[in-house]
Amino acid sequence: MASVDQTRAPPHRSLAWWTPAVLLVLAAAGWWWSARMASDMNSPGSATMGAMGVAEEHALSLGAFIVAWLAMMTAMMFPAIAPIVKLYGRAAAAGRVAPLPFFVAGYLAVWTAIGLPAYLAWRALMDPIAEARPWAGRLAGAVLISAAAWQLTPLKSVCLRHCRSPMSFFLRFGATIAKPAGALRMGATHGLFCVGCCWALMAILVAMGTMNLAWMAVLAALIIVEKNAPFGERMAAFAAVVFAVGGAVLLVRPESMTTLT
């Protein structure tokens, strides 16, 4: 029996590959759903999210929007949070914390709540963006400049460093995450830090057209690099410069919005 136990792979070894794999599969599903909706929105008479020029009565309900919003968040965020989920998964496999789904559920609950103001903004902007109204272009420019400023704030830096170095986060919660309620709270707290890092990027996405796959891909890549690459903090500062330039162009030439979207 002892020899059998010695040959059995420790739980953390399997977690080393299956946790990131599951996250990538979920992210791929989110990208597939987002791409499907982006394709549908260009179909005449489509009632899906982001449909250009669609009449008010064809807009998605709040519930349908939240489903689409979560698909986008899964696509964009799950690859970036793989390291902390992997770390939590190892602790869960060792029986030191509550099961991993509780942590992920707390994280998703925060982004679900963010979907409500995103829905209101989408309902207000979908037709002006589709019709290339000048004020919509200038608003997008203002959002880009605001995002540039946020990228350089101390609070953004604090949130980003939390996401880049999650070990101290575990130590702060201690034994409370052994229970599901503690794991949910930890996931929600991490989600709030993630919102602190990324809310301005999500505002750009809404201002440019919520289901714009090109902007989704660019911002998702930026999020992954910021949170995981050794030069992530420098990339955040570089992105601020790019956003500021793009915002200035839109303020002066709002018609450029059609090119960017």
Protein backbone atom coordinates (compact mmCIF):
# COMPACT_ATOMS: atom_id res chain seq x y z
CA MET A 1 0.00 0.00 0.00
CA ALA A 2 2.85 2.33 0.82
CA SER A 3 4.32 1.86 -2.65
CA VAL A 4 0.97 2.73 -4.23
CA ASP A 5 0.75 5.94 -2.21
CA GLN A 6 4.28 6.86 -3.24
CA THR A 7 3.45 6.56 -6.93
CA ARG A 8 0.24 8.55 -6.68
CA ALA A 9 0.69 12.07 -8.03
CA PRO A 10 0.25 14.80 -5.41
CA PRO A 11 -2.90 16.87 -5.94
CA HIS A 12 -0.94 20.06 -6.57
CA ARG A 13 0.79 18.47 -9.58
CA SER A 14 -2.48 17.92 -11.39
CA LEU A 15 -3.62 21.39 -10.39
CA ALA A 16 -0.51 22.78 -12.04
CA TRP A 17 -2.06 22.02 -15.41
CA TRP A 18 -5.80 21.50 -15.02
CA THR A 19 -6.64 24.77 -13.22
CA PRO A 20 -5.14 26.98 -15.95
CA ALA A 21 -6.59 24.62 -18.55
CA VAL A 22 -10.12 25.00 -17.16
CA LEU A 23 -9.74 28.78 -17.04
CA LEU A 24 -8.53 28.84 -20.62
CA VAL A 25 -11.45 26.67 -21.73
CA LEU A 26 -13.89 29.02 -19.97
CA ALA A 27 -12.15 32.01 -21.53
CA ALA A 28 -12.34 30.38 -24.95
CA ALA A 29 -16.06 29.81 -24.42
CA GLY A 30 -16.41 33.48 -23.49
CA TRP A 31 -14.59 34.55 -26.66
CA TRP A 32 -16.73 32.23 -28.77
CA TRP A 33 -19.93 33.66 -27.28
CA SER A 34 -18.70 37.23 -27.66
CA ALA A 35 -17.70 36.61 -31.28
CA ARG A 36 -21.10 35.07 -31.98
CA MET A 37 -22.90 38.08 -30.54
CA ALA A 38 -20.60 40.49 -32.37
CA SER A 39 -21.49 38.69 -35.61
CA ASP A 40 -25.20 38.76 -34.81
CA MET A 41 -25.15 42.46 -34.01
CA ASN A 42 -24.14 43.25 -37.59
CA SER A 43 -27.09 41.31 -38.99
CA PRO A 44 -30.01 43.49 -40.13
CA GLY A 45 -32.82 43.47 -37.58
CA SER A 46 -30.71 41.74 -34.97
CA ALA A 47 -31.91 42.06 -31.40
CA THR A 48 -28.60 41.15 -29.81
CA MET A 49 -26.37 43.29 -27.68
CA GLY A 50 -24.54 46.05 -29.47
CA ALA A 51 -26.74 45.94 -32.56
CA MET A 52 -25.91 49.03 -34.56
CA GLY A 53 -28.83 51.34 -35.20
CA VAL A 54 -31.31 48.89 -33.73
CA ALA A 55 -34.53 50.44 -32.47
CA GLU A 56 -35.01 50.92 -28.76
CA GLU A 57 -37.60 48.17 -28.47
CA HIS A 58 -35.09 45.61 -29.80
CA ALA A 59 -32.51 46.27 -27.07
CA LEU A 60 -31.54 43.42 -24.80
CA SER A 61 -33.12 43.05 -21.41
CA LEU A 62 -30.95 43.57 -18.36
CA GLY A 63 -30.78 39.83 -17.75
CA ALA A 64 -29.64 39.06 -21.29
CA PHE A 65 -27.07 41.85 -21.11
CA ILE A 66 -25.64 40.47 -17.84
CA VAL A 67 -25.19 37.06 -19.46
CA ALA A 68 -23.33 38.66 -22.36
CA TRP A 69 -21.35 40.86 -19.95
CA LEU A 70 -20.20 37.82 -17.94
CA ALA A 71 -19.17 36.10 -21.17
CA MET A 72 -16.99 39.11 -21.98
CA MET A 73 -15.52 39.26 -18.47
CA THR A 74 -14.75 35.54 -18.59
CA ALA A 75 -13.04 35.95 -21.94
CA MET A 76 -11.00 38.96 -20.86
CA MET A 77 -10.26 38.32 -17.17
CA PHE A 78 -9.85 34.58 -16.64
CA PRO A 79 -6.48 34.28 -18.42
CA ALA A 80 -5.16 37.18 -16.32
CA ILE A 81 -6.28 35.73 -12.96
CA ALA A 82 -4.97 32.21 -13.64
CA PRO A 83 -1.99 32.58 -11.22
CA ILE A 84 -4.09 33.45 -8.15
CA VAL A 85 -6.71 30.84 -9.02
CA LYS A 86 -3.96 28.26 -9.37
CA LEU A 87 -2.54 29.28 -5.98
CA TYR A 88 -5.95 29.04 -4.35
CA GLY A 89 -6.62 25.71 -6.06
CA ARG A 90 -3.50 24.19 -4.54
CA ALA A 91 -4.59 25.28 -1.07
CA ALA A 92 -8.08 23.86 -1.72
CA ALA A 93 -6.62 20.53 -2.88
CA ALA A 94 -4.66 20.33 0.37
CA GLY A 95 -7.84 20.93 2.36
CA ARG A 96 -6.69 24.23 3.84
CA VAL A 97 -9.38 26.40 2.24
CA ALA A 98 -12.95 26.05 0.96
CA PRO A 99 -13.44 24.60 -2.55
CA LEU A 100 -12.28 26.73 -5.46
CA PRO A 101 -15.78 27.44 -6.93
CA PHE A 102 -16.63 29.57 -3.88
CA PHE A 103 -13.64 31.84 -4.52
CA VAL A 104 -14.47 32.15 -8.23
CA ALA A 105 -18.15 32.81 -7.44
CA GLY A 106 -17.20 35.73 -5.18
CA TYR A 107 -15.00 37.15 -7.92
CA LEU A 108 -17.72 36.86 -10.56
CA ALA A 109 -20.32 38.41 -8.25
CA VAL A 110 -18.37 41.67 -8.25
CA TRP A 111 -18.12 41.81 -12.05
CA THR A 112 -21.81 40.91 -12.31
CA ALA A 113 -22.64 43.97 -10.19
CA ILE A 114 -20.48 46.13 -12.48
CA GLY A 115 -22.68 44.96 -15.34
CA LEU A 116 -25.58 47.16 -14.14
CA PRO A 117 -23.94 50.57 -14.78
CA ALA A 118 -22.41 49.09 -17.95
CA TYR A 119 -25.92 48.18 -19.13
CA LEU A 120 -27.24 51.69 -18.50
CA ALA A 121 -24.28 53.20 -20.37
CA TRP A 122 -24.74 50.77 -23.27
CA ARG A 123 -28.44 51.61 -23.60
CA ALA A 124 -27.58 55.31 -23.72
CA LEU A 125 -24.69 55.00 -26.18
CA MET A 126 -25.55 52.20 -28.62
CA ASP A 127 -27.44 54.40 -31.10
CA PRO A 128 -25.18 57.51 -30.86
CA ILE A 129 -22.11 55.32 -31.50
CA ALA A 130 -23.82 53.57 -34.41
CA GLU A 131 -24.86 56.91 -35.91
CA ALA A 132 -21.39 58.43 -35.36
CA ARG A 133 -22.75 61.44 -33.53
CA PRO A 134 -19.95 63.92 -32.76
CA TRP A 135 -20.73 64.07 -29.06
CA ALA A 136 -20.32 60.29 -28.79
CA GLY A 137 -16.86 60.57 -30.31
CA ARG A 138 -15.91 63.35 -27.92
CA LEU A 139 -17.27 61.37 -24.99
CA ALA A 140 -15.10 58.41 -26.03
CA GLY A 141 -12.14 60.79 -26.18
CA ALA A 142 -12.88 62.02 -22.66
CA VAL A 143 -13.13 58.41 -21.44
CA LEU A 144 -9.76 57.58 -23.01
CA ILE A 145 -8.12 60.59 -21.36
CA SER A 146 -9.72 59.70 -18.01
CA ALA A 147 -8.43 56.14 -18.38
CA ALA A 148 -4.96 57.50 -19.14
CA ALA A 149 -5.04 59.55 -15.94
CA TRP A 150 -6.26 56.55 -13.90
CA GLN A 151 -3.43 54.38 -15.23
CA LEU A 152 -0.96 56.72 -13.47
CA THR A 153 -2.73 57.11 -10.11
CA PRO A 154 -1.35 55.62 -6.87
CA LEU A 155 -4.63 53.70 -6.35
CA LYS A 156 -4.26 51.97 -9.71
CA SER A 157 -0.71 51.06 -8.69
CA VAL A 158 -1.89 49.62 -5.35
CA CYS A 159 -4.56 47.49 -7.04
CA LEU A 160 -2.15 46.30 -9.72
CA ARG A 161 0.51 45.30 -7.20
CA HIS A 162 -2.09 43.34 -5.27
CA CYS A 163 -3.02 41.41 -8.42
CA ARG A 164 0.64 40.81 -9.28
CA SER A 165 1.61 39.54 -5.80
CA PRO A 166 -1.36 37.64 -4.32
CA MET A 167 0.49 35.69 -1.59
CA SER A 168 0.08 38.42 1.04
CA PHE A 169 -3.62 38.44 0.18
CA PHE A 170 -3.91 34.82 1.35
CA LEU A 171 -2.07 35.58 4.57
CA ARG A 172 -4.38 38.48 5.36
CA PHE A 173 -7.51 36.31 5.20
CA GLY A 174 -5.93 33.48 7.19
CA ALA A 175 -8.18 30.70 8.47
CA THR A 176 -11.40 32.48 7.49
CA ILE A 177 -11.22 31.08 3.96
CA ALA A 178 -11.56 27.54 5.28
CA LYS A 179 -15.32 28.18 5.23
CA PRO A 180 -17.36 28.91 2.07
CA ALA A 181 -18.44 32.34 3.33
CA GLY A 182 -14.81 33.33 3.85
CA ALA A 183 -13.85 32.05 0.39
CA LEU A 184 -16.70 34.03 -1.19
CA ARG A 185 -15.58 37.14 0.66
CA MET A 186 -11.99 36.63 -0.43
CA GLY A 187 -13.05 36.16 -4.05
CA ALA A 188 -15.18 39.30 -3.89
CA THR A 189 -12.33 41.28 -2.34
CA HIS A 190 -9.98 40.16 -5.07
CA GLY A 191 -12.65 41.11 -7.57
CA LEU A 192 -12.76 44.63 -6.11
CA PHE A 193 -9.00 44.97 -6.52
CA CYS A 194 -9.41 43.71 -10.08
CA VAL A 195 -12.08 46.33 -10.70
CA GLY A 196 -9.68 48.93 -9.33
CA CYS A 197 -7.15 47.84 -11.94
CA CYS A 198 -9.52 47.53 -14.86
CA TRP A 199 -12.66 49.67 -14.45
CA ALA A 200 -11.27 52.41 -16.71
CA LEU A 201 -10.42 49.83 -19.37
CA MET A 202 -13.98 48.52 -19.21
CA ALA A 203 -15.24 52.11 -19.54
CA ILE A 204 -13.21 52.39 -22.75
CA LEU A 205 -14.83 49.20 -24.01
CA VAL A 206 -18.32 50.56 -23.35
CA ALA A 207 -17.50 53.94 -24.90
CA MET A 208 -16.13 52.29 -28.04
CA GLY A 209 -19.01 49.86 -28.46
CA THR A 210 -19.54 47.15 -25.90
CA MET A 211 -19.15 44.15 -28.22
CA ASN A 212 -16.22 45.45 -30.25
CA LEU A 213 -14.00 42.37 -30.55
CA ALA A 214 -10.92 44.33 -31.62
CA TRP A 215 -11.05 46.52 -28.51
CA MET A 216 -11.80 43.46 -26.37
CA ALA A 217 -8.68 41.72 -27.68
CA VAL A 218 -6.43 44.76 -27.21
CA LEU A 219 -7.65 45.45 -23.68
CA ALA A 220 -7.55 41.77 -22.68
CA ALA A 221 -3.92 41.56 -23.83
CA LEU A 222 -3.12 44.71 -21.84
CA ILE A 223 -4.75 43.25 -18.72
CA ILE A 224 -2.77 40.00 -19.01
CA VAL A 225 0.53 41.85 -19.47
CA GLU A 226 -0.14 44.34 -16.66
CA LYS A 227 -0.95 41.60 -14.16
CA ASN A 228 1.57 38.93 -15.11
CA ALA A 229 4.53 40.22 -17.11
CA PRO A 230 7.71 41.44 -15.34
CA PHE A 231 7.29 44.79 -17.09
CA GLY A 232 3.55 45.01 -16.33
CA GLU A 233 3.69 48.28 -14.40
CA ARG A 234 5.70 49.95 -17.15
CA MET A 235 3.18 48.69 -19.70
CA ALA A 236 0.40 50.33 -17.68
CA ALA A 237 2.24 53.66 -17.95
CA PHE A 238 2.84 53.18 -21.68
CA ALA A 239 -0.86 52.43 -22.19
CA ALA A 240 -1.66 55.73 -20.46
CA VAL A 241 0.30 57.60 -23.13
CA VAL A 242 -1.49 55.74 -25.93
CA PHE A 243 -4.91 56.41 -24.36
CA ALA A 244 -4.12 60.10 -23.91
CA VAL A 245 -3.09 60.49 -27.55
CA GLY A 246 -6.16 58.62 -28.79
CA GLY A 247 -8.43 60.66 -26.53
CA ALA A 248 -6.97 63.93 -27.76
CA VAL A 249 -7.53 62.89 -31.37
CA LEU A 250 -11.18 62.06 -30.67
CA LEU A 251 -11.77 65.35 -28.89
CA VAL A 252 -10.46 67.27 -31.89
CA ARG A 253 -11.78 64.95 -34.61
CA PRO A 254 -14.77 63.01 -33.22
CA GLU A 255 -15.49 61.61 -36.67
CA SER A 256 -12.40 59.40 -36.17
CA MET A 257 -14.65 57.26 -33.97
CA THR A 258 -15.87 55.40 -37.06
CA THR A 259 -12.31 54.33 -37.84
CA LEU A 260 -11.61 53.16 -34.29
CA THR A 261 -14.84 51.18 -34.00
